[in-house]
PDB file of N, CA and C in Angstrom:
ATOM      1  N   MET A   1     -19.319  39.111  27.209  1.00  0.00           N
ATOM      2  CA  MET A   1     -18.507  38.127  27.876  1.00  0.00           C
ATOM      3  C   MET A   1     -19.040  37.958  29.299  1.00  0.00           C
ATOM      4  N   ILE A   2     -19.263  36.734  29.704  1.00  0.00           N
ATOM      5  CA  ILE A   2     -19.806  36.503  31.040  1.00  0.00           C
ATOM      6  C   ILE A   2     -18.686  36.421  32.074  1.00  0.00           C
ATOM      7  N   GLU A   3     -19.071  36.531  33.333  1.00  0.00           N
ATOM      8  CA  GLU A   3     -18.102  36.616  34.424  1.00  0.00           C
ATOM      9  C   GLU A   3     -17.098  35.469  34.421  1.00  0.00           C
ATOM     10  N   SER A   4     -17.548  34.250  34.202  1.00  0.00           N
ATOM     11  CA  SER A   4     -16.615  33.116  34.218  1.00  0.00           C
ATOM     12  C   SER A   4     -15.608  33.204  33.080  1.00  0.00           C
ATOM     13  N   GLU A   5     -16.019  33.734  31.925  1.00  0.00           N
ATOM     14  CA  GLU A   5     -15.089  33.907  30.810  1.00  0.00           C
ATOM     15  C   GLU A   5     -14.060  34.991  31.121  1.00  0.00           C
ATOM     16  N   VAL A   6     -14.506  36.056  31.768  1.00  0.00           N
ATOM     17  CA  VAL A   6     -13.601  37.131  32.154  1.00  0.00           C
ATOM     18  C   VAL A   6     -12.550  36.581  33.113  1.00  0.00           C
ATOM     19  N   ARG A   7     -12.984  35.841  34.108  1.00  0.00           N
ATOM     20  CA  ARG A   7     -12.044  35.281  35.086  1.00  0.00           C
ATOM     21  C   ARG A   7     -11.081  34.285  34.435  1.00  0.00           C
ATOM     22  N   ALA A   8     -11.575  33.472  33.516  1.00  0.00           N
ATOM     23  CA  ALA A   8     -10.720  32.505  32.836  1.00  0.00           C
ATOM     24  C   ALA A   8      -9.687  33.205  31.963  1.00  0.00           C
ATOM     25  N   ARG A   9     -10.095  34.241  31.273  1.00  0.00           N
ATOM     26  CA  ARG A   9      -9.161  34.974  30.425  1.00  0.00           C
ATOM     27  C   ARG A   9      -8.121  35.695  31.270  1.00  0.00           C
ATOM     28  N   ALA A  10      -8.534  36.244  32.409  1.00  0.00           N
ATOM     29  CA  ALA A  10      -7.590  36.906  33.314  1.00  0.00           C
ATOM     30  C   ALA A  10      -6.587  35.888  33.861  1.00  0.00           C
ATOM     31  N   ALA A  11      -7.059  34.702  34.209  1.00  0.00           N
ATOM     32  CA  ALA A  11      -6.165  33.656  34.720  1.00  0.00           C
ATOM     33  C   ALA A  11      -5.168  33.236  33.644  1.00  0.00           C
ATOM     34  N   ASN A  12      -5.610  33.151  32.414  1.00  0.00           N
ATOM     35  CA  ASN A  12      -4.717  32.804  31.309  1.00  0.00           C
ATOM     36  C   ASN A  12      -3.665  33.899  31.122  1.00  0.00           C
ATOM     37  N   ALA A  13      -4.079  35.148  31.181  1.00  0.00           N
ATOM     38  CA  ALA A  13      -3.139  36.263  31.045  1.00  0.00           C
ATOM     39  C   ALA A  13      -2.120  36.239  32.182  1.00  0.00           C
ATOM     40  N   ARG A  14      -2.575  35.940  33.386  1.00  0.00           N
ATOM     41  CA  ARG A  14      -1.684  35.848  34.543  1.00  0.00           C
ATOM     42  C   ARG A  14      -0.654  34.727  34.329  1.00  0.00           C
ATOM     43  N   ARG A  15      -1.099  33.601  33.794  1.00  0.00           N
ATOM     44  CA  ARG A  15      -0.209  32.467  33.520  1.00  0.00           C
ATOM     45  C   ARG A  15       0.846  32.850  32.475  1.00  0.00           C
ATOM     46  N   ILE A  16       0.420  33.533  31.438  1.00  0.00           N
ATOM     47  CA  ILE A  16       1.345  33.965  30.385  1.00  0.00           C
ATOM     48  C   ILE A  16       2.388  34.925  30.967  1.00  0.00           C
ATOM     49  N   CYS A  17       1.945  35.853  31.805  1.00  0.00           N
ATOM     50  CA  CYS A  17       2.877  36.794  32.438  1.00  0.00           C
ATOM     51  C   CYS A  17       3.935  36.051  33.236  1.00  0.00           C
ATOM     52  N   SER A  18       3.513  35.057  33.990  1.00  0.00           N
ATOM     53  CA  SER A  18       4.458  34.277  34.793  1.00  0.00           C
ATOM     54  C   SER A  18       5.424  33.509  33.903  1.00  0.00           C
ATOM     55  N   ALA A  19       4.904  32.902  32.857  1.00  0.00           N
ATOM     56  CA  ALA A  19       5.726  32.078  31.977  1.00  0.00           C
ATOM     57  C   ALA A  19       6.762  32.891  31.207  1.00  0.00           C
ATOM     58  N   HIS A  20       6.424  34.128  30.876  1.00  0.00           N
ATOM     59  CA  HIS A  20       7.301  34.951  30.048  1.00  0.00           C
ATOM     60  C   HIS A  20       7.970  36.090  30.819  1.00  0.00           C
ATOM     61  N   GLY A  21       7.739  36.154  32.124  1.00  0.00           N
ATOM     62  CA  GLY A  21       8.375  37.181  32.946  1.00  0.00           C
ATOM     63  C   GLY A  21       7.927  38.596  32.607  1.00  0.00           C
ATOM     64  N   ILE A  22       6.655  38.745  32.280  1.00  0.00           N
ATOM     65  CA  ILE A  22       6.120  40.058  31.917  1.00  0.00           C
ATOM     66  C   ILE A  22       5.712  40.789  33.191  1.00  0.00           C
ATOM     67  N   ALA A  23       6.259  41.965  33.387  1.00  0.00           N
ATOM     68  CA  ALA A  23       5.971  42.757  34.590  1.00  0.00           C
ATOM     69  C   ALA A  23       4.688  43.564  34.400  1.00  0.00           C
ATOM     70  N   GLN A  24       3.938  43.692  35.478  1.00  0.00           N
ATOM     71  CA  GLN A  24       2.713  44.493  35.438  1.00  0.00           C
ATOM     72  C   GLN A  24       3.011  45.935  35.046  1.00  0.00           C
ATOM     73  N   ALA A  25       4.139  46.456  35.494  1.00  0.00           N
ATOM     74  CA  ALA A  25       4.507  47.834  35.169  1.00  0.00           C
ATOM     75  C   ALA A  25       4.736  47.990  33.664  1.00  0.00           C
ATOM     76  N   ASP A  26       5.291  46.963  33.029  1.00  0.00           N
ATOM     77  CA  ASP A  26       5.509  47.013  31.582  1.00  0.00           C
ATOM     78  C   ASP A  26       4.176  47.009  30.834  1.00  0.00           C
ATOM     79  N   ILE A  27       3.256  46.184  31.292  1.00  0.00           N
ATOM     80  CA  ILE A  27       1.926  46.142  30.674  1.00  0.00           C
ATOM     81  C   ILE A  27       1.252  47.495  30.835  1.00  0.00           C
ATOM     82  N   ALA A  28       1.317  48.023  32.051  1.00  0.00           N
ATOM     83  CA  ALA A  28       0.682  49.311  32.347  1.00  0.00           C
ATOM     84  C   ALA A  28       1.220  50.413  31.444  1.00  0.00           C
ATOM     85  N   ALA A  29       2.534  50.451  31.270  1.00  0.00           N
ATOM     86  CA  ALA A  29       3.135  51.478  30.416  1.00  0.00           C
ATOM     87  C   ALA A  29       2.672  51.333  28.971  1.00  0.00           C
ATOM     88  N   HIS A  30       2.532  50.110  28.518  1.00  0.00           N
ATOM     89  CA  HIS A  30       2.128  49.874  27.128  1.00  0.00           C
ATOM     90  C   HIS A  30       0.676  50.277  26.872  1.00  0.00           C
ATOM     91  N   VAL A  31      -0.207  49.991  27.820  1.00  0.00           N
ATOM     92  CA  VAL A  31      -1.639  50.248  27.597  1.00  0.00           C
ATOM     93  C   VAL A  31      -2.112  51.584  28.185  1.00  0.00           C
ATOM     94  N   GLY A  32      -1.214  52.304  28.859  1.00  0.00           N
ATOM     95  CA  GLY A  32      -1.588  53.600  29.413  1.00  0.00           C
ATOM     96  C   GLY A  32      -2.453  53.510  30.647  1.00  0.00           C
ATOM     97  N   ALA A  33      -2.107  52.589  31.524  1.00  0.00           N
ATOM     98  CA  ALA A  33      -2.863  52.385  32.763  1.00  0.00           C
ATOM     99  C   ALA A  33      -1.886  52.404  33.933  1.00  0.00           C
ATOM    100  N   SER A  34      -2.424  52.313  35.129  1.00  0.00           N
ATOM    101  CA  SER A  34      -1.558  52.206  36.304  1.00  0.00           C
ATOM    102  C   SER A  34      -1.272  50.728  36.581  1.00  0.00           C
ATOM    103  N   GLN A  35      -0.187  50.484  37.310  1.00  0.00           N
ATOM    104  CA  GLN A  35       0.162  49.113  37.668  1.00  0.00           C
ATOM    105  C   GLN A  35      -0.929  48.488  38.513  1.00  0.00           C
ATOM    106  N   SER A  36      -1.569  49.281  39.372  1.00  0.00           N
ATOM    107  CA  SER A  36      -2.628  48.728  40.227  1.00  0.00           C
ATOM    108  C   SER A  36      -3.851  48.314  39.400  1.00  0.00           C
ATOM    109  N   GLN A  37      -4.148  49.046  38.332  1.00  0.00           N
ATOM    110  CA  GLN A  37      -5.254  48.646  37.456  1.00  0.00           C
ATOM    111  C   GLN A  37      -4.934  47.314  36.781  1.00  0.00           C
ATOM    112  N   VAL A  38      -3.708  47.172  36.307  1.00  0.00           N
ATOM    113  CA  VAL A  38      -3.299  45.924  35.661  1.00  0.00           C
ATOM    114  C   VAL A  38      -3.361  44.779  36.667  1.00  0.00           C
ATOM    115  N   SER A  39      -2.913  45.032  37.887  1.00  0.00           N
ATOM    116  CA  SER A  39      -2.957  44.013  38.928  1.00  0.00           C
ATOM    117  C   SER A  39      -4.385  43.523  39.164  1.00  0.00           C
ATOM    118  N   ARG A  40      -5.322  44.453  39.267  1.00  0.00           N
ATOM    119  CA  ARG A  40      -6.727  44.077  39.489  1.00  0.00           C
ATOM    120  C   ARG A  40      -7.258  43.249  38.321  1.00  0.00           C
ATOM    121  N   ILE A  41      -6.895  43.624  37.116  1.00  0.00           N
ATOM    122  CA  ILE A  41      -7.353  42.879  35.939  1.00  0.00           C
ATOM    123  C   ILE A  41      -6.796  41.461  35.962  1.00  0.00           C
ATOM    124  N   LEU A  42      -5.508  41.328  36.218  1.00  0.00           N
ATOM    125  CA  LEU A  42      -4.894  40.000  36.212  1.00  0.00           C
ATOM    126  C   LEU A  42      -5.379  39.116  37.356  1.00  0.00           C
ATOM    127  N   LYS A  43      -5.834  39.735  38.444  1.00  0.00           N
ATOM    128  CA  LYS A  43      -6.408  38.966  39.555  1.00  0.00           C
ATOM    129  C   LYS A  43      -7.838  38.523  39.246  1.00  0.00           C
ATOM    130  N   GLY A  44      -8.416  39.086  38.185  1.00  0.00           N
ATOM    131  CA  GLY A  44      -9.793  38.742  37.839  1.00  0.00           C
ATOM    132  C   GLY A  44     -10.800  39.485  38.682  1.00  0.00           C
ATOM    133  N   GLU A  45     -10.381  40.570  39.310  1.00  0.00           N
ATOM    134  CA  GLU A  45     -11.307  41.363  40.116  1.00  0.00           C
ATOM    135  C   GLU A  45     -12.236  42.139  39.195  1.00  0.00           C
ATOM    136  N   GLY A  46     -13.475  42.181  39.553  1.00  0.00           N
ATOM    137  CA  GLY A  46     -14.479  42.782  38.685  1.00  0.00           C
ATOM    138  C   GLY A  46     -15.037  41.689  37.783  1.00  0.00           C
ATOM    139  N   SER A  47     -16.240  41.821  37.412  1.00  0.00           N
ATOM    140  CA  SER A  47     -16.885  40.735  36.678  1.00  0.00           C
ATOM    141  C   SER A  47     -17.246  41.104  35.246  1.00  0.00           C
ATOM    142  N   ARG A  48     -16.680  42.221  34.761  1.00  0.00           N
ATOM    143  CA  ARG A  48     -17.032  42.591  33.396  1.00  0.00           C
ATOM    144  C   ARG A  48     -15.782  42.913  32.600  1.00  0.00           C
ATOM    145  N   ALA A  49     -15.893  42.690  31.324  1.00  0.00           N
ATOM    146  CA  ALA A  49     -14.799  43.041  30.431  1.00  0.00           C
ATOM    147  C   ALA A  49     -14.920  44.521  30.085  1.00  0.00           C
ATOM    148  N   SER A  50     -13.799  45.191  30.044  1.00  0.00           N
ATOM    149  CA  SER A  50     -13.763  46.611  29.698  1.00  0.00           C
ATOM    150  C   SER A  50     -12.751  46.790  28.573  1.00  0.00           C
ATOM    151  N   ARG A  51     -12.671  47.990  28.078  1.00  0.00           N
ATOM    152  CA  ARG A  51     -11.686  48.280  27.035  1.00  0.00           C
ATOM    153  C   ARG A  51     -10.277  48.026  27.574  1.00  0.00           C
ATOM    154  N   LEU A  52     -10.020  48.444  28.810  1.00  0.00           N
ATOM    155  CA  LEU A  52      -8.708  48.239  29.410  1.00  0.00           C
ATOM    156  C   LEU A  52      -8.426  46.748  29.603  1.00  0.00           C
ATOM    157  N   PHE A  53      -9.416  46.003  30.059  1.00  0.00           N
ATOM    158  CA  PHE A  53      -9.274  44.553  30.207  1.00  0.00           C
ATOM    159  C   PHE A  53      -8.857  43.941  28.874  1.00  0.00           C
ATOM    160  N   GLU A  54      -9.534  44.325  27.815  1.00  0.00           N
ATOM    161  CA  GLU A  54      -9.248  43.797  26.483  1.00  0.00           C
ATOM    162  C   GLU A  54      -7.824  44.161  26.051  1.00  0.00           C
ATOM    163  N   GLU A  55      -7.413  45.395  26.264  1.00  0.00           N
ATOM    164  CA  GLU A  55      -6.069  45.828  25.875  1.00  0.00           C
ATOM    165  C   GLU A  55      -4.996  45.058  26.638  1.00  0.00           C
ATOM    166  N   VAL A  56      -5.198  44.871  27.932  1.00  0.00           N
ATOM    167  CA  VAL A  56      -4.233  44.127  28.738  1.00  0.00           C
ATOM    168  C   VAL A  56      -4.141  42.689  28.241  1.00  0.00           C
ATOM    169  N   CYS A  57      -5.275  42.045  28.046  1.00  0.00           N
ATOM    170  CA  CYS A  57      -5.267  40.652  27.596  1.00  0.00           C
ATOM    171  C   CYS A  57      -4.633  40.506  26.221  1.00  0.00           C
ATOM    172  N   LEU A  58      -4.967  41.387  25.299  1.00  0.00           N
ATOM    173  CA  LEU A  58      -4.384  41.312  23.961  1.00  0.00           C
ATOM    174  C   LEU A  58      -2.876  41.517  23.997  1.00  0.00           C
ATOM    175  N   PHE A  59      -2.404  42.458  24.796  1.00  0.00           N
ATOM    176  CA  PHE A  59      -0.963  42.695  24.916  1.00  0.00           C
ATOM    177  C   PHE A  59      -0.263  41.442  25.426  1.00  0.00           C
ATOM    178  N   VAL A  60      -0.788  40.857  26.484  1.00  0.00           N
ATOM    179  CA  VAL A  60      -0.162  39.682  27.092  1.00  0.00           C
ATOM    180  C   VAL A  60      -0.265  38.468  26.167  1.00  0.00           C
ATOM    181  N   GLU A  61      -1.402  38.273  25.540  1.00  0.00           N
ATOM    182  CA  GLU A  61      -1.619  37.096  24.690  1.00  0.00           C
ATOM    183  C   GLU A  61      -0.689  37.078  23.484  1.00  0.00           C
ATOM    184  N   ARG A  62      -0.188  38.228  23.064  1.00  0.00           N
ATOM    185  CA  ARG A  62       0.760  38.267  21.953  1.00  0.00           C
ATOM    186  C   ARG A  62       2.013  37.459  22.264  1.00  0.00           C
ATOM    187  N   PHE A  63       2.360  37.336  23.531  1.00  0.00           N
ATOM    188  CA  PHE A  63       3.563  36.587  23.921  1.00  0.00           C
ATOM    189  C   PHE A  63       3.377  35.091  23.771  1.00  0.00           C
ATOM    190  N   GLU A  64       2.159  34.638  23.639  1.00  0.00           N
ATOM    191  CA  GLU A  64       1.868  33.222  23.419  1.00  0.00           C
ATOM    192  C   GLU A  64       1.689  32.918  21.933  1.00  0.00           C
ATOM    193  N   GLY A  65       1.817  33.940  21.113  1.00  0.00           N
ATOM    194  CA  GLY A  65       1.713  33.720  19.680  1.00  0.00           C
ATOM    195  C   GLY A  65       0.303  33.734  19.156  1.00  0.00           C
ATOM    196  N   GLY A  66      -0.639  34.248  19.909  1.00  0.00           N
ATOM    197  CA  GLY A  66      -2.013  34.309  19.450  1.00  0.00           C
ATOM    198  C   GLY A  66      -2.847  35.172  20.353  1.00  0.00           C
ATOM    199  N   VAL A  67      -4.054  35.428  19.900  1.00  0.00           N
ATOM    200  CA  VAL A  67      -5.004  36.191  20.701  1.00  0.00           C
ATOM    201  C   VAL A  67      -6.317  35.449  20.733  1.00  0.00           C
ATOM    202  N   SER A  68      -7.092  35.687  21.776  1.00  0.00           N
ATOM    203  CA  SER A  68      -8.402  35.061  21.854  1.00  0.00           C
ATOM    204  C   SER A  68      -9.433  35.959  21.216  1.00  0.00           C
ATOM    205  N   ALA A  69     -10.564  35.403  20.905  1.00  0.00           N
ATOM    206  CA  ALA A  69     -11.627  36.145  20.225  1.00  0.00           C
ATOM    207  C   ALA A  69     -12.208  37.214  21.101  1.00  0.00           C
TER     208      ALA A  69
END
């Protein structure tokens, strides 16, 4: 996944969180991360996809009724 795709997916996850009122702390508890790690992911900080990035995005995308590839 290239940097622009990572940033776009993070922006989409951030939008879903806002639309559905999903708290970063709730995401963190579900994926076993800290709230600050989730915050960095949703801000699109860092230019690579990681296992944690994928878990956060998949968790959030479930609220939209689908997941991305």
